[in-house]
């Protein structure tokens, strides 16, 4: 029984360490067509700019969470479609990120209406 307990403890420790290692590598990239969430340098989630309705620093009760451990840097993105319409991220400089993302959304909307 003690051996099984040690194996379980090691497994839980490995999962916790893997979680902390990956959460620390979450990054966000704004491309001309999408907002991308990257973990360990790989795109894990892509949100089209055309689907973004609003970007703000207020929170949302029910949301899709792609934030790192810096929850105080939260940026909430409201999508036009989807089951969970609020999407929360936590970039390093949230105020500047909001401005950049709002500009990118405006440019995307302007480019598609021409």
PDB file of N, CA and C in Angstrom:
ATOM      1  N   UNK A   1       0.824  -1.196   0.000  1.00  0.00           N
ATOM      2  CA  UNK A   1       0.000   0.000   0.000  1.00  0.00           C
ATOM      3  C   UNK A   1       0.861   1.250   0.000  1.00  0.00           C
ATOM      4  N   UNK A   2       1.997   1.237   0.702  1.00  0.00           N
ATOM      5  CA  UNK A   2       2.874   2.399   0.770  1.00  0.00           C
ATOM      6  C   UNK A   2       3.480   2.696  -0.599  1.00  0.00           C
ATOM      7  N   UNK A   3       3.849   1.668  -1.343  1.00  0.00           N
ATOM      8  CA  UNK A   3       4.401   1.858  -2.688  1.00  0.00           C
ATOM      9  C   UNK A   3       3.404   2.531  -3.618  1.00  0.00           C
ATOM     10  N   UNK A   4       2.131   2.118  -3.528  1.00  0.00           N
ATOM     11  CA  UNK A   4       1.080   2.713  -4.353  1.00  0.00           C
ATOM     12  C   UNK A   4       0.880   4.180  -3.971  1.00  0.00           C
ATOM     13  N   UNK A   5       0.949   4.485  -2.707  1.00  0.00           N
ATOM     14  CA  UNK A   5       0.804   5.865  -2.234  1.00  0.00           C
ATOM     15  C   UNK A   5       1.950   6.740  -2.767  1.00  0.00           C
ATOM     16  N   UNK A   6       3.144   6.210  -2.782  1.00  0.00           N
ATOM     17  CA  UNK A   6       4.296   6.953  -3.300  1.00  0.00           C
ATOM     18  C   UNK A   6       4.136   7.206  -4.798  1.00  0.00           C
ATOM     19  N   UNK A   7       3.676   6.205  -5.542  1.00  0.00           N
ATOM     20  CA  UNK A   7       3.461   6.359  -6.979  1.00  0.00           C
ATOM     21  C   UNK A   7       2.392   7.422  -7.239  1.00  0.00           C
ATOM     22  N   UNK A   8       1.311   7.406  -6.468  1.00  0.00           N
ATOM     23  CA  UNK A   8       0.249   8.406  -6.622  1.00  0.00           C
ATOM     24  C   UNK A   8       0.773   9.805  -6.312  1.00  0.00           C
ATOM     25  N   UNK A   9       1.562   9.937  -5.260  1.00  0.00           N
ATOM     26  CA  UNK A   9       2.128  11.240  -4.894  1.00  0.00           C
ATOM     27  C   UNK A   9       3.062  11.751  -5.983  1.00  0.00           C
ATOM     28  N   UNK A  10       3.858  10.867  -6.565  1.00  0.00           N
ATOM     29  CA  UNK A  10       4.753  11.269  -7.644  1.00  0.00           C
ATOM     30  C   UNK A  10       3.974  11.697  -8.884  1.00  0.00           C
ATOM     31  N   UNK A  11       2.892  10.990  -9.187  1.00  0.00           N
ATOM     32  CA  UNK A  11       2.057  11.329 -10.330  1.00  0.00           C
ATOM     33  C   UNK A  11       1.402  12.697 -10.140  1.00  0.00           C
ATOM     34  N   UNK A  12       0.856  12.932  -8.967  1.00  0.00           N
ATOM     35  CA  UNK A  12       0.236  14.235  -8.674  1.00  0.00           C
ATOM     36  C   UNK A  12       1.285  15.346  -8.765  1.00  0.00           C
ATOM     37  N   UNK A  13       2.464  15.106  -8.234  1.00  0.00           N
ATOM     38  CA  UNK A  13       3.542  16.096  -8.299  1.00  0.00           C
ATOM     39  C   UNK A  13       3.931  16.393  -9.742  1.00  0.00           C
ATOM     40  N   UNK A  14       4.019  15.371 -10.559  1.00  0.00           N
ATOM     41  CA  UNK A  14       4.371  15.560 -11.965  1.00  0.00           C
ATOM     42  C   UNK A  14       3.311  16.384 -12.696  1.00  0.00           C
ATOM     43  N   UNK A  15       2.055  16.109 -12.422  1.00  0.00           N
ATOM     44  CA  UNK A  15       0.967  16.854 -13.058  1.00  0.00           C
ATOM     45  C   UNK A  15       1.000  18.319 -12.628  1.00  0.00           C
ATOM     46  N   UNK A  16       1.194  18.573 -11.341  1.00  0.00           N
ATOM     47  CA  UNK A  16       1.258  19.947 -10.836  1.00  0.00           C
ATOM     48  C   UNK A  16       2.452  20.691 -11.431  1.00  0.00           C
ATOM     49  N   UNK A  17       3.601  20.057 -11.495  1.00  0.00           N
ATOM     50  CA  UNK A  17       4.780  20.691 -12.082  1.00  0.00           C
ATOM     51  C   UNK A  17       4.589  20.966 -13.571  1.00  0.00           C
ATOM     52  N   UNK A  18       3.983  20.038 -14.285  1.00  0.00           N
ATOM     53  CA  UNK A  18       3.720  20.246 -15.708  1.00  0.00           C
ATOM     54  C   UNK A  18       2.755  21.415 -15.910  1.00  0.00           C
ATOM     55  N   UNK A  19       1.738  21.497 -15.071  1.00  0.00           N
ATOM     56  CA  UNK A  19       0.787  22.608 -15.147  1.00  0.00           C
ATOM     57  C   UNK A  19       1.481  23.940 -14.911  1.00  0.00           C
ATOM     58  N   UNK A  20       2.263  24.024 -13.860  1.00  0.00           N
ATOM     59  CA  UNK A  20       2.959  25.274 -13.541  1.00  0.00           C
ATOM     60  C   UNK A  20       3.965  25.653 -14.629  1.00  0.00           C
ATOM     61  N   UNK A  21       4.626  24.674 -15.205  1.00  0.00           N
ATOM     62  CA  UNK A  21       5.594  24.950 -16.264  1.00  0.00           C
ATOM     63  C   UNK A  21       4.905  25.482 -17.515  1.00  0.00           C
ATOM     64  N   UNK A  22       3.763  24.915 -17.878  1.00  0.00           N
ATOM     65  CA  UNK A  22       3.074  25.368 -19.085  1.00  0.00           C
ATOM     66  C   UNK A  22       2.335  26.679 -18.865  1.00  0.00           C
ATOM     67  N   UNK A  23       1.748  26.881 -17.696  1.00  0.00           N
ATOM     68  CA  UNK A  23       1.044  28.133 -17.420  1.00  0.00           C
ATOM     69  C   UNK A  23       2.024  29.301 -17.466  1.00  0.00           C
ATOM     70  N   UNK A  24       3.240  29.072 -17.049  1.00  0.00           N
ATOM     71  CA  UNK A  24       4.253  30.121 -17.081  1.00  0.00           C
ATOM     72  C   UNK A  24       4.704  30.480 -18.480  1.00  0.00           C
ATOM     73  N   UNK A  25       4.361  29.681 -19.476  1.00  0.00           N
ATOM     74  CA  UNK A  25       4.793  29.961 -20.845  1.00  0.00           C
ATOM     75  C   UNK A  25       3.661  30.476 -21.729  1.00  0.00           C
ATOM     76  N   UNK A  26       2.487  30.761 -21.169  1.00  0.00           N
ATOM     77  CA  UNK A  26       1.371  31.258 -21.979  1.00  0.00           C
ATOM     78  C   UNK A  26       1.733  32.630 -22.536  1.00  0.00           C
ATOM     79  N   UNK A  27       1.565  32.765 -23.841  1.00  0.00           N
ATOM     80  CA  UNK A  27       1.815  34.041 -24.521  1.00  0.00           C
ATOM     81  C   UNK A  27       0.655  34.307 -25.482  1.00  0.00           C
ATOM     82  N   UNK A  28       0.534  35.559 -25.887  1.00  0.00           N
ATOM     83  CA  UNK A  28      -0.557  35.963 -26.767  1.00  0.00           C
ATOM     84  C   UNK A  28       0.030  36.731 -27.947  1.00  0.00           C
ATOM     85  N   UNK A  29      -0.512  36.465 -29.140  1.00  0.00           N
ATOM     86  CA  UNK A  29      -0.011  37.119 -30.348  1.00  0.00           C
ATOM     87  C   UNK A  29      -1.204  37.606 -31.163  1.00  0.00           C
ATOM     88  N   UNK A  30      -1.102  38.854 -31.627  1.00  0.00           N
ATOM     89  CA  UNK A  30      -2.131  39.429 -32.490  1.00  0.00           C
ATOM     90  C   UNK A  30      -1.595  39.387 -33.918  1.00  0.00           C
ATOM     91  N   UNK A  31      -2.291  38.663 -34.776  1.00  0.00           N
ATOM     92  CA  UNK A  31      -1.931  38.606 -36.197  1.00  0.00           C
ATOM     93  C   UNK A  31      -2.939  39.466 -36.964  1.00  0.00           C
ATOM     94  N   UNK A  32      -2.762  39.667 -38.255  1.00  0.00           N
ATOM     95  CA  UNK A  32      -3.739  40.461 -39.014  1.00  0.00           C
ATOM     96  C   UNK A  32      -5.151  39.860 -39.048  1.00  0.00           C
ATOM     97  N   UNK A  33      -5.280  38.569 -38.729  1.00  0.00           N
ATOM     98  CA  UNK A  33      -6.602  37.932 -38.806  1.00  0.00           C
ATOM     99  C   UNK A  33      -7.090  37.305 -37.508  1.00  0.00           C
ATOM    100  N   UNK A  34      -6.206  37.152 -36.507  1.00  0.00           N
ATOM    101  CA  UNK A  34      -6.618  36.414 -35.310  1.00  0.00           C
ATOM    102  C   UNK A  34      -5.811  36.807 -34.070  1.00  0.00           C
ATOM    103  N   UNK A  35      -6.371  36.494 -32.920  1.00  0.00           N
ATOM    104  CA  UNK A  35      -5.662  36.526 -31.650  1.00  0.00           C
ATOM    105  C   UNK A  35      -5.285  35.084 -31.358  1.00  0.00           C
ATOM    106  N   UNK A  36      -4.008  34.846 -31.102  1.00  0.00           N
ATOM    107  CA  UNK A  36      -3.543  33.482 -30.868  1.00  0.00           C
ATOM    108  C   UNK A  36      -3.037  33.331 -29.443  1.00  0.00           C
ATOM    109  N   UNK A  37      -3.360  32.192 -28.832  1.00  0.00           N
ATOM    110  CA  UNK A  37      -2.838  31.821 -27.521  1.00  0.00           C
ATOM    111  C   UNK A  37      -1.772  30.764 -27.761  1.00  0.00           C
ATOM    112  N   UNK A  38      -0.575  31.018 -27.233  1.00  0.00           N
ATOM    113  CA  UNK A  38       0.544  30.091 -27.423  1.00  0.00           C
ATOM    114  C   UNK A  38       0.973  29.512 -26.078  1.00  0.00           C
ATOM    115  N   UNK A  39       1.219  28.222 -26.066  1.00  0.00           N
ATOM    116  CA  UNK A  39       1.792  27.553 -24.897  1.00  0.00           C
ATOM    117  C   UNK A  39       3.020  26.805 -25.388  1.00  0.00           C
ATOM    118  N   UNK A  40       4.138  27.058 -24.737  1.00  0.00           N
ATOM    119  CA  UNK A  40       5.429  26.493 -25.141  1.00  0.00           C
ATOM    120  C   UNK A  40       5.730  26.813 -26.604  1.00  0.00           C
ATOM    121  N   UNK A  41       5.306  28.004 -27.046  1.00  0.00           N
ATOM    122  CA  UNK A  41       5.585  28.455 -28.400  1.00  0.00           C
ATOM    123  C   UNK A  41       4.675  27.911 -29.479  1.00  0.00           C
ATOM    124  N   UNK A  42       3.717  27.087 -29.123  1.00  0.00           N
ATOM    125  CA  UNK A  42       2.790  26.488 -30.091  1.00  0.00           C
ATOM    126  C   UNK A  42       1.410  27.130 -29.953  1.00  0.00           C
ATOM    127  N   UNK A  43       0.762  27.370 -31.086  1.00  0.00           N
ATOM    128  CA  UNK A  43      -0.585  27.938 -31.073  1.00  0.00           C
ATOM    129  C   UNK A  43      -1.552  26.871 -30.573  1.00  0.00           C
ATOM    130  N   UNK A  44      -2.204  27.180 -29.463  1.00  0.00           N
ATOM    131  CA  UNK A  44      -3.159  26.257 -28.847  1.00  0.00           C
ATOM    132  C   UNK A  44      -4.595  26.671 -29.148  1.00  0.00           C
ATOM    133  N   UNK A  45      -4.818  27.986 -29.218  1.00  0.00           N
ATOM    134  CA  UNK A  45      -6.170  28.512 -29.434  1.00  0.00           C
ATOM    135  C   UNK A  45      -6.081  29.717 -30.354  1.00  0.00           C
ATOM    136  N   UNK A  46      -6.974  29.807 -31.320  1.00  0.00           N
ATOM    137  CA  UNK A  46      -7.000  30.923 -32.266  1.00  0.00           C
ATOM    138  C   UNK A  46      -8.405  31.518 -32.263  1.00  0.00           C
ATOM    139  N   UNK A  47      -8.473  32.831 -32.056  1.00  0.00           N
ATOM    140  CA  UNK A  47      -9.750  33.542 -32.028  1.00  0.00           C
ATOM    141  C   UNK A  47      -9.753  34.551 -33.179  1.00  0.00           C
ATOM    142  N   UNK A  48     -10.586  34.349 -34.209  1.00  0.00           N
ATOM    143  CA  UNK A  48     -10.597  35.276 -35.350  1.00  0.00           C
ATOM    144  C   UNK A  48     -10.965  36.695 -34.910  1.00  0.00           C
ATOM    145  N   UNK A  49     -10.255  37.688 -35.445  1.00  0.00           N
ATOM    146  CA  UNK A  49     -10.552  39.081 -35.097  1.00  0.00           C
ATOM    147  C   UNK A  49     -11.960  39.465 -35.522  1.00  0.00           C
ATOM    148  N   UNK A  50     -12.457  38.885 -36.611  1.00  0.00           N
ATOM    149  CA  UNK A  50     -13.811  39.181 -37.092  1.00  0.00           C
ATOM    150  C   UNK A  50     -14.881  38.725 -36.109  1.00  0.00           C
ATOM    151  N   UNK A  51     -14.538  37.802 -35.209  1.00  0.00           N
ATOM    152  CA  UNK A  51     -15.495  37.289 -34.217  1.00  0.00           C
ATOM    153  C   UNK A  51     -15.460  38.092 -32.912  1.00  0.00           C
ATOM    154  N   UNK A  52     -14.563  39.053 -32.801  1.00  0.00           N
ATOM    155  CA  UNK A  52     -14.445  39.833 -31.563  1.00  0.00           C
ATOM    156  C   UNK A  52     -15.410  41.009 -31.608  1.00  0.00           C
ATOM    157  N   UNK A  53     -16.255  41.088 -30.589  1.00  0.00           N
ATOM    158  CA  UNK A  53     -17.259  42.139 -30.495  1.00  0.00           C
ATOM    159  C   UNK A  53     -16.776  43.289 -29.604  1.00  0.00           C
ATOM    160  N   UNK A  54     -16.078  42.957 -28.503  1.00  0.00           N
ATOM    161  CA  UNK A  54     -15.655  43.976 -27.546  1.00  0.00           C
ATOM    162  C   UNK A  54     -14.429  43.480 -26.775  1.00  0.00           C
ATOM    163  N   UNK A  55     -13.568  44.421 -26.395  1.00  0.00           N
ATOM    164  CA  UNK A  55     -12.375  44.118 -25.603  1.00  0.00           C
ATOM    165  C   UNK A  55     -12.353  45.100 -24.441  1.00  0.00           C
ATOM    166  N   UNK A  56     -12.209  44.582 -23.208  1.00  0.00           N
ATOM    167  CA  UNK A  56     -12.205  45.476 -22.042  1.00  0.00           C
ATOM    168  C   UNK A  56     -11.467  44.840 -20.879  1.00  0.00           C
ATOM    169  N   UNK A  57     -11.275  45.614 -19.823  1.00  0.00           N
ATOM    170  CA  UNK A  57     -10.566  45.137 -18.629  1.00  0.00           C
ATOM    171  C   UNK A  57     -11.520  44.627 -17.547  1.00  0.00           C
ATOM    172  N   UNK A  58     -12.813  44.764 -17.728  1.00  0.00           N
ATOM    173  CA  UNK A  58     -13.767  44.240 -16.752  1.00  0.00           C
ATOM    174  C   UNK A  58     -13.807  42.713 -16.861  1.00  0.00           C
ATOM    175  N   UNK A  59     -14.261  42.074 -15.847  1.00  0.00           N
ATOM    176  CA  UNK A  59     -14.327  40.620 -15.855  1.00  0.00           C
ATOM    177  C   UNK A  59     -15.628  40.098 -16.434  1.00  0.00           C
ATOM    178  N   UNK A  60     -15.767  38.807 -16.422  1.00  0.00           N
ATOM    179  CA  UNK A  60     -16.988  38.130 -16.865  1.00  0.00           C
ATOM    180  C   UNK A  60     -17.170  36.903 -15.985  1.00  0.00           C
ATOM    181  N   UNK A  61     -18.383  36.687 -15.537  1.00  0.00           N
ATOM    182  CA  UNK A  61     -18.651  35.584 -14.618  1.00  0.00           C
ATOM    183  C   UNK A  61     -18.385  34.227 -15.268  1.00  0.00           C
ATOM    184  N   UNK A  62     -18.961  33.995 -16.434  1.00  0.00           N
ATOM    185  CA  UNK A  62     -18.771  32.725 -17.132  1.00  0.00           C
ATOM    186  C   UNK A  62     -17.921  33.009 -18.363  1.00  0.00           C
ATOM    187  N   UNK A  63     -16.759  32.337 -18.460  1.00  0.00           N
ATOM    188  CA  UNK A  63     -15.830  32.648 -19.537  1.00  0.00           C
ATOM    189  C   UNK A  63     -14.915  31.469 -19.843  1.00  0.00           C
ATOM    190  N   UNK A  64     -14.298  31.550 -21.010  1.00  0.00           N
ATOM    191  CA  UNK A  64     -13.245  30.610 -21.397  1.00  0.00           C
ATOM    192  C   UNK A  64     -11.931  31.226 -20.914  1.00  0.00           C
ATOM    193  N   UNK A  65     -11.219  30.528 -20.079  1.00  0.00           N
ATOM    194  CA  UNK A  65     -10.041  31.102 -19.426  1.00  0.00           C
ATOM    195  C   UNK A  65      -8.743  30.630 -20.066  1.00  0.00           C
ATOM    196  N   UNK A  66      -7.957  31.582 -20.584  1.00  0.00           N
ATOM    197  CA  UNK A  66      -6.632  31.319 -21.121  1.00  0.00           C
ATOM    198  C   UNK A  66      -5.644  32.273 -20.469  1.00  0.00           C
ATOM    199  N   UNK A  67      -5.834  32.518 -19.195  1.00  0.00           N
ATOM    200  CA  UNK A  67      -4.950  33.448 -18.490  1.00  0.00           C
ATOM    201  C   UNK A  67      -3.849  32.682 -17.768  1.00  0.00           C
ATOM    202  N   UNK A  68      -2.778  33.401 -17.514  1.00  0.00           N
ATOM    203  CA  UNK A  68      -1.674  32.819 -16.772  1.00  0.00           C
ATOM    204  C   UNK A  68      -1.927  33.038 -15.284  1.00  0.00           C
ATOM    205  N   UNK A  69      -0.919  32.884 -14.487  1.00  0.00           N
ATOM    206  CA  UNK A  69      -1.069  33.086 -13.046  1.00  0.00           C
ATOM    207  C   UNK A  69      -1.216  34.559 -12.680  1.00  0.00           C
ATOM    208  N   UNK A  70      -0.998  35.461 -13.626  1.00  0.00           N
ATOM    209  CA  UNK A  70      -1.142  36.904 -13.389  1.00  0.00           C
ATOM    210  C   UNK A  70      -2.592  37.320 -13.617  1.00  0.00           C
ATOM    211  N   UNK A  71      -3.504  36.816 -12.796  1.00  0.00           N
ATOM    212  CA  UNK A  71      -4.931  37.064 -12.988  1.00  0.00           C
ATOM    213  C   UNK A  71      -5.296  38.543 -12.847  1.00  0.00           C
ATOM    214  N   UNK A  72      -4.465  39.332 -12.190  1.00  0.00           N
ATOM    215  CA  UNK A  72      -4.746  40.760 -12.034  1.00  0.00           C
ATOM    216  C   UNK A  72      -4.554  41.509 -13.355  1.00  0.00           C
ATOM    217  N   UNK A  73      -3.958  40.894 -14.341  1.00  0.00           N
ATOM    218  CA  UNK A  73      -3.770  41.486 -15.664  1.00  0.00           C
ATOM    219  C   UNK A  73      -4.880  41.070 -16.632  1.00  0.00           C
ATOM    220  N   UNK A  74      -6.013  40.682 -16.132  1.00  0.00           N
ATOM    221  CA  UNK A  74      -7.073  40.122 -16.976  1.00  0.00           C
ATOM    222  C   UNK A  74      -7.590  41.101 -18.020  1.00  0.00           C
ATOM    223  N   UNK A  75      -7.779  40.560 -19.219  1.00  0.00           N
ATOM    224  CA  UNK A  75      -8.421  41.253 -20.329  1.00  0.00           C
ATOM    225  C   UNK A  75      -9.545  40.336 -20.791  1.00  0.00           C
ATOM    226  N   UNK A  76     -10.750  40.882 -20.890  1.00  0.00           N
ATOM    227  CA  UNK A  76     -11.904  40.091 -21.309  1.00  0.00           C
ATOM    228  C   UNK A  76     -12.268  40.451 -22.740  1.00  0.00           C
ATOM    229  N   UNK A  77     -12.456  39.432 -23.548  1.00  0.00           N
ATOM    230  CA  UNK A  77     -12.817  39.592 -24.956  1.00  0.00           C
ATOM    231  C   UNK A  77     -14.195  38.976 -25.136  1.00  0.00           C
ATOM    232  N   UNK A  78     -15.127  39.784 -25.631  1.00  0.00           N
ATOM    233  CA  UNK A  78     -16.476  39.262 -25.898  1.00  0.00           C
ATOM    234  C   UNK A  78     -16.556  38.910 -27.386  1.00  0.00           C
ATOM    235  N   UNK A  79     -16.920  37.645 -27.621  1.00  0.00           N
ATOM    236  CA  UNK A  79     -17.043  37.159 -28.997  1.00  0.00           C
ATOM    237  C   UNK A  79     -18.473  37.330 -29.497  1.00  0.00           C
ATOM    238  N   UNK A  80     -18.630  37.342 -30.804  1.00  0.00           N
ATOM    239  CA  UNK A  80     -19.955  37.451 -31.406  1.00  0.00           C
ATOM    240  C   UNK A  80     -20.694  36.115 -31.381  1.00  0.00           C
ATOM    241  N   UNK A  81     -19.965  35.003 -31.332  1.00  0.00           N
ATOM    242  CA  UNK A  81     -20.584  33.680 -31.415  1.00  0.00           C
ATOM    243  C   UNK A  81     -19.914  32.721 -30.447  1.00  0.00           C
ATOM    244  N   UNK A  82     -20.519  31.573 -30.308  1.00  0.00           N
ATOM    245  CA  UNK A  82     -19.933  30.534 -29.464  1.00  0.00           C
ATOM    246  C   UNK A  82     -20.713  30.324 -28.178  1.00  0.00           C
ATOM    247  N   UNK A  83     -20.510  29.178 -27.577  1.00  0.00           N
ATOM    248  CA  UNK A  83     -21.193  28.856 -26.328  1.00  0.00           C
ATOM    249  C   UNK A  83     -20.693  29.746 -25.191  1.00  0.00           C
ATOM    250  N   UNK A  84     -19.399  29.825 -25.022  1.00  0.00           N
ATOM    251  CA  UNK A  84     -18.809  30.735 -24.036  1.00  0.00           C
ATOM    252  C   UNK A  84     -18.341  31.970 -24.797  1.00  0.00           C
ATOM    253  N   UNK A  85     -19.103  33.048 -24.701  1.00  0.00           N
ATOM    254  CA  UNK A  85     -18.816  34.228 -25.514  1.00  0.00           C
ATOM    255  C   UNK A  85     -17.731  35.116 -24.912  1.00  0.00           C
ATOM    256  N   UNK A  86     -17.411  34.920 -23.642  1.00  0.00           N
ATOM    257  CA  UNK A  86     -16.340  35.697 -23.021  1.00  0.00           C
ATOM    258  C   UNK A  86     -15.069  34.851 -22.975  1.00  0.00           C
ATOM    259  N   UNK A  87     -13.958  35.500 -23.286  1.00  0.00           N
ATOM    260  CA  UNK A  87     -12.660  34.854 -23.431  1.00  0.00           C
ATOM    261  C   UNK A  87     -11.690  35.690 -22.601  1.00  0.00           C
ATOM    262  N   UNK A  88     -11.073  35.118 -21.572  1.00  0.00           N
ATOM    263  CA  UNK A  88     -10.216  35.885 -20.665  1.00  0.00           C
ATOM    264  C   UNK A  88      -8.757  35.476 -20.836  1.00  0.00           C
ATOM    265  N   UNK A  89      -7.902  36.494 -20.992  1.00  0.00           N
ATOM    266  CA  UNK A  89      -6.463  36.286 -21.099  1.00  0.00           C
ATOM    267  C   UNK A  89      -5.780  37.233 -20.107  1.00  0.00           C
ATOM    268  N   UNK A  90      -4.484  37.068 -19.908  1.00  0.00           N
ATOM    269  CA  UNK A  90      -3.761  37.957 -18.985  1.00  0.00           C
ATOM    270  C   UNK A  90      -2.380  38.309 -19.554  1.00  0.00           C
ATOM    271  N   UNK A  91      -2.343  39.260 -20.498  1.00  0.00           N
ATOM    272  CA  UNK A  91      -1.058  39.673 -21.062  1.00  0.00           C
ATOM    273  C   UNK A  91      -0.239  40.473 -20.053  1.00  0.00           C
ATOM    274  N   UNK A  92       1.066  40.607 -20.304  1.00  0.00           N
ATOM    275  CA  UNK A  92       1.945  41.324 -19.381  1.00  0.00           C
ATOM    276  C   UNK A  92       1.544  42.788 -19.200  1.00  0.00           C
ATOM    277  N   UNK A  93       1.215  43.487 -20.270  1.00  0.00           N
ATOM    278  CA  UNK A  93       0.788  44.891 -20.205  1.00  0.00           C
ATOM    279  C   UNK A  93      -0.650  44.970 -20.721  1.00  0.00           C
ATOM    280  N   UNK A  94      -1.629  44.737 -19.844  1.00  0.00           N
ATOM    281  CA  UNK A  94      -3.010  44.592 -20.312  1.00  0.00           C
ATOM    282  C   UNK A  94      -3.588  45.839 -20.971  1.00  0.00           C
ATOM    283  N   UNK A  95      -3.277  47.029 -20.459  1.00  0.00           N
ATOM    284  CA  UNK A  95      -3.844  48.247 -21.044  1.00  0.00           C
ATOM    285  C   UNK A  95      -3.347  48.460 -22.474  1.00  0.00           C
ATOM    286  N   UNK A  96      -2.054  48.288 -22.696  1.00  0.00           N
ATOM    287  CA  UNK A  96      -1.497  48.416 -24.047  1.00  0.00           C
ATOM    288  C   UNK A  96      -2.030  47.311 -24.952  1.00  0.00           C
ATOM    289  N   UNK A  97      -2.204  46.109 -24.419  1.00  0.00           N
ATOM    290  CA  UNK A  97      -2.717  44.991 -25.208  1.00  0.00           C
ATOM    291  C   UNK A  97      -4.148  45.271 -25.664  1.00  0.00           C
ATOM    292  N   UNK A  98      -4.974  45.844 -24.765  1.00  0.00           N
ATOM    293  CA  UNK A  98      -6.356  46.185 -25.124  1.00  0.00           C
ATOM    294  C   UNK A  98      -6.365  47.163 -26.298  1.00  0.00           C
ATOM    295  N   UNK A  99      -5.527  48.184 -26.233  1.00  0.00           N
ATOM    296  CA  UNK A  99      -5.467  49.178 -27.312  1.00  0.00           C
ATOM    297  C   UNK A  99      -5.027  48.526 -28.618  1.00  0.00           C
ATOM    298  N   UNK A 100      -3.974  47.701 -28.574  1.00  0.00           N
ATOM    299  CA  UNK A 100      -3.488  47.031 -29.785  1.00  0.00           C
ATOM    300  C   UNK A 100      -4.547  46.100 -30.380  1.00  0.00           C
ATOM    301  N   UNK A 101      -5.240  45.358 -29.509  1.00  0.00           N
ATOM    302  CA  UNK A 101      -6.260  44.421 -29.995  1.00  0.00           C
ATOM    303  C   UNK A 101      -7.457  45.174 -30.565  1.00  0.00           C
ATOM    304  N   UNK A 102      -7.880  46.260 -29.923  1.00  0.00           N
ATOM    305  CA  UNK A 102      -8.986  47.063 -30.455  1.00  0.00           C
ATOM    306  C   UNK A 102      -8.617  47.635 -31.822  1.00  0.00           C
ATOM    307  N   UNK A 103      -7.381  48.115 -31.970  1.00  0.00           N
ATOM    308  CA  UNK A 103      -6.929  48.624 -33.273  1.00  0.00           C
ATOM    309  C   UNK A 103      -6.942  47.525 -34.327  1.00  0.00           C
ATOM    310  N   UNK A 104      -6.466  46.339 -33.966  1.00  0.00           N
ATOM    311  CA  UNK A 104      -6.433  45.215 -34.910  1.00  0.00           C
ATOM    312  C   UNK A 104      -7.848  44.808 -35.326  1.00  0.00           C
ATOM    313  N   UNK A 105      -8.786  44.817 -34.382  1.00  0.00           N
ATOM    314  CA  UNK A 105     -10.181  44.468 -34.694  1.00  0.00           C
ATOM    315  C   UNK A 105     -10.775  45.505 -35.641  1.00  0.00           C
ATOM    316  N   UNK A 106     -10.505  46.800 -35.382  1.00  0.00           N
ATOM    317  CA  UNK A 106     -11.002  47.862 -36.264  1.00  0.00           C
ATOM    318  C   UNK A 106     -10.412  47.719 -37.670  1.00  0.00           C
ATOM    319  N   UNK A 107      -9.116  47.452 -37.755  1.00  0.00           N
ATOM    320  CA  UNK A 107      -8.480  47.285 -39.069  1.00  0.00           C
ATOM    321  C   UNK A 107      -9.041  46.076 -39.809  1.00  0.00           C
ATOM    322  N   UNK A 108      -9.288  45.001 -39.089  1.00  0.00           N
ATOM    323  CA  UNK A 108      -9.853  43.801 -39.706  1.00  0.00           C
ATOM    324  C   UNK A 108     -11.258  44.092 -40.221  1.00  0.00           C
ATOM    325  N   UNK A 109     -12.062  44.793 -39.434  1.00  0.00           N
ATOM    326  CA  UNK A 109     -13.421  45.133 -39.839  1.00  0.00           C
ATOM    327  C   UNK A 109     -13.407  46.092 -41.029  1.00  0.00           C
ATOM    328  N   UNK A 110     -12.486  47.038 -41.026  1.00  0.00           N
ATOM    329  CA  UNK A 110     -12.362  47.981 -42.132  1.00  0.00           C
ATOM    330  C   UNK A 110     -11.895  47.315 -43.396  1.00  0.00           C
ATOM    331  N   UNK A 111     -11.018  46.342 -43.276  1.00  0.00           N
ATOM    332  CA  UNK A 111     -10.478  45.627 -44.438  1.00  0.00           C
ATOM    333  C   UNK A 111     -11.491  44.712 -45.088  1.00  0.00           C
ATOM    334  N   UNK A 112     -12.410  44.139 -44.299  1.00  0.00           N
ATOM    335  CA  UNK A 112     -13.392  43.222 -44.870  1.00  0.00           C
ATOM    336  C   UNK A 112     -14.578  43.932 -45.465  1.00  0.00           C
ATOM    337  N   UNK A 113     -14.826  45.207 -45.082  1.00  0.00           N
ATOM    338  CA  UNK A 113     -16.007  45.911 -45.597  1.00  0.00           C
ATOM    339  C   UNK A 113     -15.706  46.637 -46.902  1.00  0.00           C
ATOM    340  N   UNK A 114     -14.453  46.707 -47.354  1.00  0.00           N
ATOM    341  CA  UNK A 114     -14.108  47.401 -48.603  1.00  0.00           C
ATOM    342  C   UNK A 114     -14.434  46.554 -49.800  1.00  0.00           C
TER     343      UNK A 114
END
